[in-house]
Amino acid sequence: MKNNMITALDIGSSFVRVLIAKTAKDNSLEVLGSSEVPSSGIEKGIVKDIEAVSECVKKALQEAEKASGLKAVNIFTNITGEHIRSNVGDGRISIPSESPKEPGEISQDHVDQVINDAKNGIKILKGYERATILHGIPLQLLSYHAALVKALDSQQLAGAGLDAGAGIAYTLSAGAVLGSSMVEHSAVNRRVAGSSPARGAR
């Protein structure tokens, strides 16, 4: 059941909110439990006291788990604030193959590698050396082999290499780095979804 469960965690300056839901076959969501607790240790989206915020997160998760009767898994949280920046990065990797004349099969590992290459490309830009990369979202993935170019819409795509354009969320502030580790600090598994369109609770 864990594969179709999702937990949304919204950490704001006024409240910490948690929602536990499950996904149906039509991708709709059924809310199973939710919670809201007052925030402490965060001001204007910046973490001032990681211990205080972590306790709020832990309490909100526990209350949502009690309401739903389920463990919070597959946790996504948004990171917002004036310290969050975004840019577009480009990545490129070569795809190994059994024969130099044949394209190699592209796997999910290759997709992850080219997105990481796009992330690292941001940090070599002047003024971005100390940036902390929070998230990379694929915008465009292309395989290439001689004159052959295909959009990455097949799980069995092959090519001599893979190009990627990715939206990169990053920060130059230690506050966001602390924010991205709060759920882990609260002793639960987490996945940070980076800066999302949804604003933090206020």
Protein backbone atom coordinates (compact mmCIF):
# COMPACT_ATOMS: atom_id res chain seq x y z
CA MET A 1 0.00 0.00 0.00
CA LYS A 2 2.99 2.29 0.49
CA ASN A 3 3.45 2.78 -3.26
CA ASN A 4 0.11 4.57 -3.63
CA MET A 5 0.43 6.63 -0.45
CA ILE A 6 1.59 10.23 -0.36
CA THR A 7 2.19 12.68 2.47
CA ALA A 8 2.20 16.44 1.88
CA LEU A 9 4.07 18.54 4.42
CA ASP A 10 3.72 22.33 4.38
CA ILE A 11 6.06 24.20 6.73
CA GLY A 12 5.07 27.83 7.11
CA SER A 13 5.85 30.73 9.40
CA SER A 14 2.45 30.40 11.13
CA PHE A 15 1.50 26.75 10.79
CA VAL A 16 2.86 23.32 9.90
CA ARG A 17 0.26 21.31 7.99
CA VAL A 18 0.30 17.64 7.00
CA LEU A 19 -2.02 15.74 4.69
CA ILE A 20 -1.92 11.96 4.17
CA ALA A 21 -3.67 10.61 1.07
CA LYS A 22 -3.72 7.67 -1.29
CA THR A 23 -3.81 7.71 -5.08
CA ALA A 24 -6.43 5.84 -7.08
CA LYS A 25 -5.99 4.22 -10.50
CA ASP A 26 -7.36 7.38 -12.17
CA ASN A 27 -4.70 9.43 -10.28
CA SER A 28 -7.30 11.06 -8.04
CA LEU A 29 -6.47 11.52 -4.35
CA GLU A 30 -8.40 10.34 -1.31
CA VAL A 31 -7.50 12.28 1.82
CA LEU A 32 -7.16 9.91 4.79
CA GLY A 33 -5.96 12.28 7.49
CA SER A 34 -4.67 15.80 8.10
CA SER A 35 -3.29 18.00 10.84
CA GLU A 36 -2.32 21.59 11.61
CA VAL A 37 -0.04 22.79 14.42
CA PRO A 38 1.31 26.29 15.17
CA SER A 39 4.83 26.93 13.84
CA SER A 40 7.83 27.72 15.98
CA GLY A 41 11.40 28.50 15.00
CA ILE A 42 10.71 29.81 11.50
CA GLU A 43 10.32 33.42 10.36
CA LYS A 44 9.37 34.58 6.85
CA GLY A 45 10.23 31.15 5.48
CA ILE A 46 13.69 31.10 7.06
CA VAL A 47 14.58 28.49 9.68
CA LYS A 48 15.86 30.18 12.85
CA ASP A 49 15.72 27.20 15.22
CA ILE A 50 15.90 23.77 13.58
CA GLU A 51 15.12 21.96 16.86
CA ALA A 52 11.88 23.92 17.36
CA VAL A 53 10.77 23.47 13.76
CA SER A 54 11.60 19.77 13.85
CA GLU A 55 9.41 19.32 16.91
CA CYS A 56 6.52 21.05 15.11
CA VAL A 57 7.02 18.79 12.08
CA LYS A 58 7.14 15.70 14.28
CA LYS A 59 3.95 16.69 16.11
CA ALA A 60 2.09 17.46 12.87
CA LEU A 61 3.12 14.13 11.37
CA GLN A 62 2.07 12.23 14.47
CA GLU A 63 -1.35 13.91 14.53
CA ALA A 64 -1.93 13.19 10.82
CA GLU A 65 -0.88 9.56 11.36
CA LYS A 66 -3.32 9.27 14.27
CA ALA A 67 -6.15 10.78 12.17
CA SER A 68 -5.49 8.45 9.23
CA GLY A 69 -4.46 5.37 11.16
CA LEU A 70 -1.49 5.02 8.82
CA LYS A 71 2.23 5.76 8.86
CA ALA A 72 3.36 8.85 6.96
CA VAL A 73 5.42 7.69 3.96
CA ASN A 74 6.54 9.20 0.63
CA ILE A 75 6.75 12.65 2.20
CA PHE A 76 6.92 15.71 -0.04
CA THR A 77 7.59 19.20 1.29
CA ASN A 78 7.88 22.59 -0.37
CA ILE A 79 10.65 25.09 0.31
CA THR A 80 9.71 28.70 -0.37
CA GLY A 81 11.03 32.15 0.44
CA GLU A 82 13.03 35.03 -0.96
CA HIS A 83 16.22 32.95 -0.61
CA ILE A 84 15.05 30.40 -3.21
CA ARG A 85 16.25 30.94 -6.78
CA SER A 86 15.77 29.05 -10.02
CA ASN A 87 17.58 28.73 -13.31
CA VAL A 88 17.71 26.43 -16.33
CA GLY A 89 20.66 24.05 -16.59
CA ASP A 90 21.85 21.91 -19.49
CA GLY A 91 23.30 18.43 -19.13
CA ARG A 92 24.84 15.91 -21.53
CA ILE A 93 26.14 12.39 -21.06
CA SER A 94 27.33 9.60 -23.35
CA ILE A 95 25.45 6.30 -23.44
CA PRO A 96 27.63 3.16 -23.46
CA SER A 97 26.80 0.42 -25.98
CA GLU A 98 27.98 -3.08 -26.85
CA SER A 99 29.04 -1.93 -30.33
CA PRO A 100 30.43 1.45 -31.42
CA LYS A 101 28.08 1.35 -34.41
CA GLU A 102 24.96 0.72 -32.35
CA PRO A 103 23.21 3.11 -29.94
CA GLY A 104 23.06 2.17 -26.28
CA GLU A 105 19.81 1.60 -24.45
CA ILE A 106 18.83 4.50 -22.20
CA SER A 107 17.77 3.62 -18.65
CA GLN A 108 16.39 5.62 -15.74
CA ASP A 109 19.93 5.71 -14.32
CA HIS A 110 21.05 7.61 -17.42
CA VAL A 111 18.18 10.07 -16.98
CA ASP A 112 19.24 10.65 -13.38
CA GLN A 113 22.86 11.13 -14.47
CA VAL A 114 22.05 13.73 -17.10
CA ILE A 115 19.84 15.67 -14.65
CA ASN A 116 22.71 15.64 -12.14
CA ASP A 117 25.00 16.92 -14.89
CA ALA A 118 22.57 19.79 -15.47
CA LYS A 119 22.56 20.53 -11.73
CA ASN A 120 26.36 20.57 -11.56
CA GLY A 121 26.46 22.85 -14.59
CA ILE A 122 24.79 25.60 -12.55
CA LYS A 123 27.54 25.54 -9.92
CA ILE A 124 30.32 26.29 -12.43
CA LEU A 125 28.72 29.60 -13.38
CA LYS A 126 30.32 32.72 -11.95
CA GLY A 127 28.67 33.69 -8.67
CA TYR A 128 27.02 30.29 -8.20
CA GLU A 129 30.02 28.42 -6.77
CA ARG A 130 28.54 28.24 -3.27
CA ALA A 131 25.00 27.50 -4.38
CA THR A 132 23.23 24.56 -2.78
CA ILE A 133 21.14 22.68 -5.33
CA LEU A 134 17.75 21.74 -3.90
CA HIS A 135 16.02 20.11 -6.86
CA GLY A 136 16.20 19.46 -10.60
CA ILE A 137 13.09 19.06 -12.75
CA PRO A 138 13.47 17.68 -16.30
CA LEU A 139 12.13 20.12 -18.88
CA GLN A 140 13.35 18.36 -22.00
CA LEU A 141 15.21 15.10 -22.60
CA LEU A 142 16.66 14.22 -26.02
CA SER A 143 18.67 11.25 -27.21
CA TYR A 144 20.99 11.62 -30.16
CA HIS A 145 22.70 9.21 -32.55
CA ALA A 146 24.19 10.68 -35.72
CA ALA A 147 21.28 12.56 -37.34
CA LEU A 148 18.65 10.72 -35.27
CA VAL A 149 16.93 12.79 -32.60
CA LYS A 150 13.94 11.55 -30.61
CA ALA A 151 11.94 12.92 -27.71
CA LEU A 152 12.25 10.77 -24.62
CA ASP A 153 8.78 9.23 -24.72
CA SER A 154 9.72 5.54 -24.77
CA GLN A 155 11.15 3.38 -22.00
CA GLN A 156 13.30 1.59 -24.60
CA LEU A 157 14.83 4.66 -26.17
CA ALA A 158 18.40 4.24 -27.41
CA GLY A 159 21.08 6.69 -28.45
CA ALA A 160 24.76 7.57 -28.40
CA GLY A 161 24.10 10.21 -25.77
CA LEU A 162 21.46 12.04 -23.81
CA ASP A 163 20.86 15.78 -23.50
CA ALA A 164 18.73 17.41 -20.84
CA GLY A 165 17.32 20.79 -20.06
CA ALA A 166 16.32 21.02 -16.40
CA GLY A 167 14.75 23.56 -14.11
CA ILE A 168 17.12 23.93 -11.16
CA ALA A 169 16.02 25.20 -7.74
CA TYR A 170 18.90 26.40 -5.57
CA THR A 171 19.78 28.69 -2.69
CA LEU A 172 22.74 30.67 -1.45
CA SER A 173 21.23 30.72 2.06
CA ALA A 174 21.94 28.26 4.85
CA GLY A 175 18.33 28.64 5.99
CA ALA A 176 17.00 26.65 3.05
CA VAL A 177 19.60 23.94 3.61
CA LEU A 178 18.36 23.63 7.18
CA GLY A 179 14.79 23.54 5.89
CA SER A 180 15.51 20.68 3.52
CA SER A 181 16.85 18.57 6.40
CA MET A 182 14.12 19.22 8.96
CA VAL A 183 12.02 16.18 8.14
CA GLU A 184 15.06 13.94 8.30
CA HIS A 185 15.96 15.57 11.60
CA SER A 186 12.47 14.60 12.82
CA ALA A 187 13.48 10.94 12.33
CA VAL A 188 11.25 10.14 9.33
CA ASN A 189 11.96 9.32 5.70
CA ARG A 190 11.48 12.24 3.41
CA ARG A 191 11.64 13.41 -0.16
CA VAL A 192 12.12 17.09 -0.72
CA ALA A 193 10.19 18.33 -3.67
CA GLY A 194 12.08 21.64 -3.84
CA SER A 195 10.42 24.92 -4.55
CA SER A 196 6.87 24.22 -5.70
CA PRO A 197 4.05 26.43 -7.03
CA ALA A 198 2.26 26.02 -3.69
CA ARG A 199 3.36 28.64 -1.20
CA GLY A 200 4.19 27.74 2.38
CA ALA A 201 1.52 28.14 5.03
CA ARG A 202 1.33 31.60 6.46
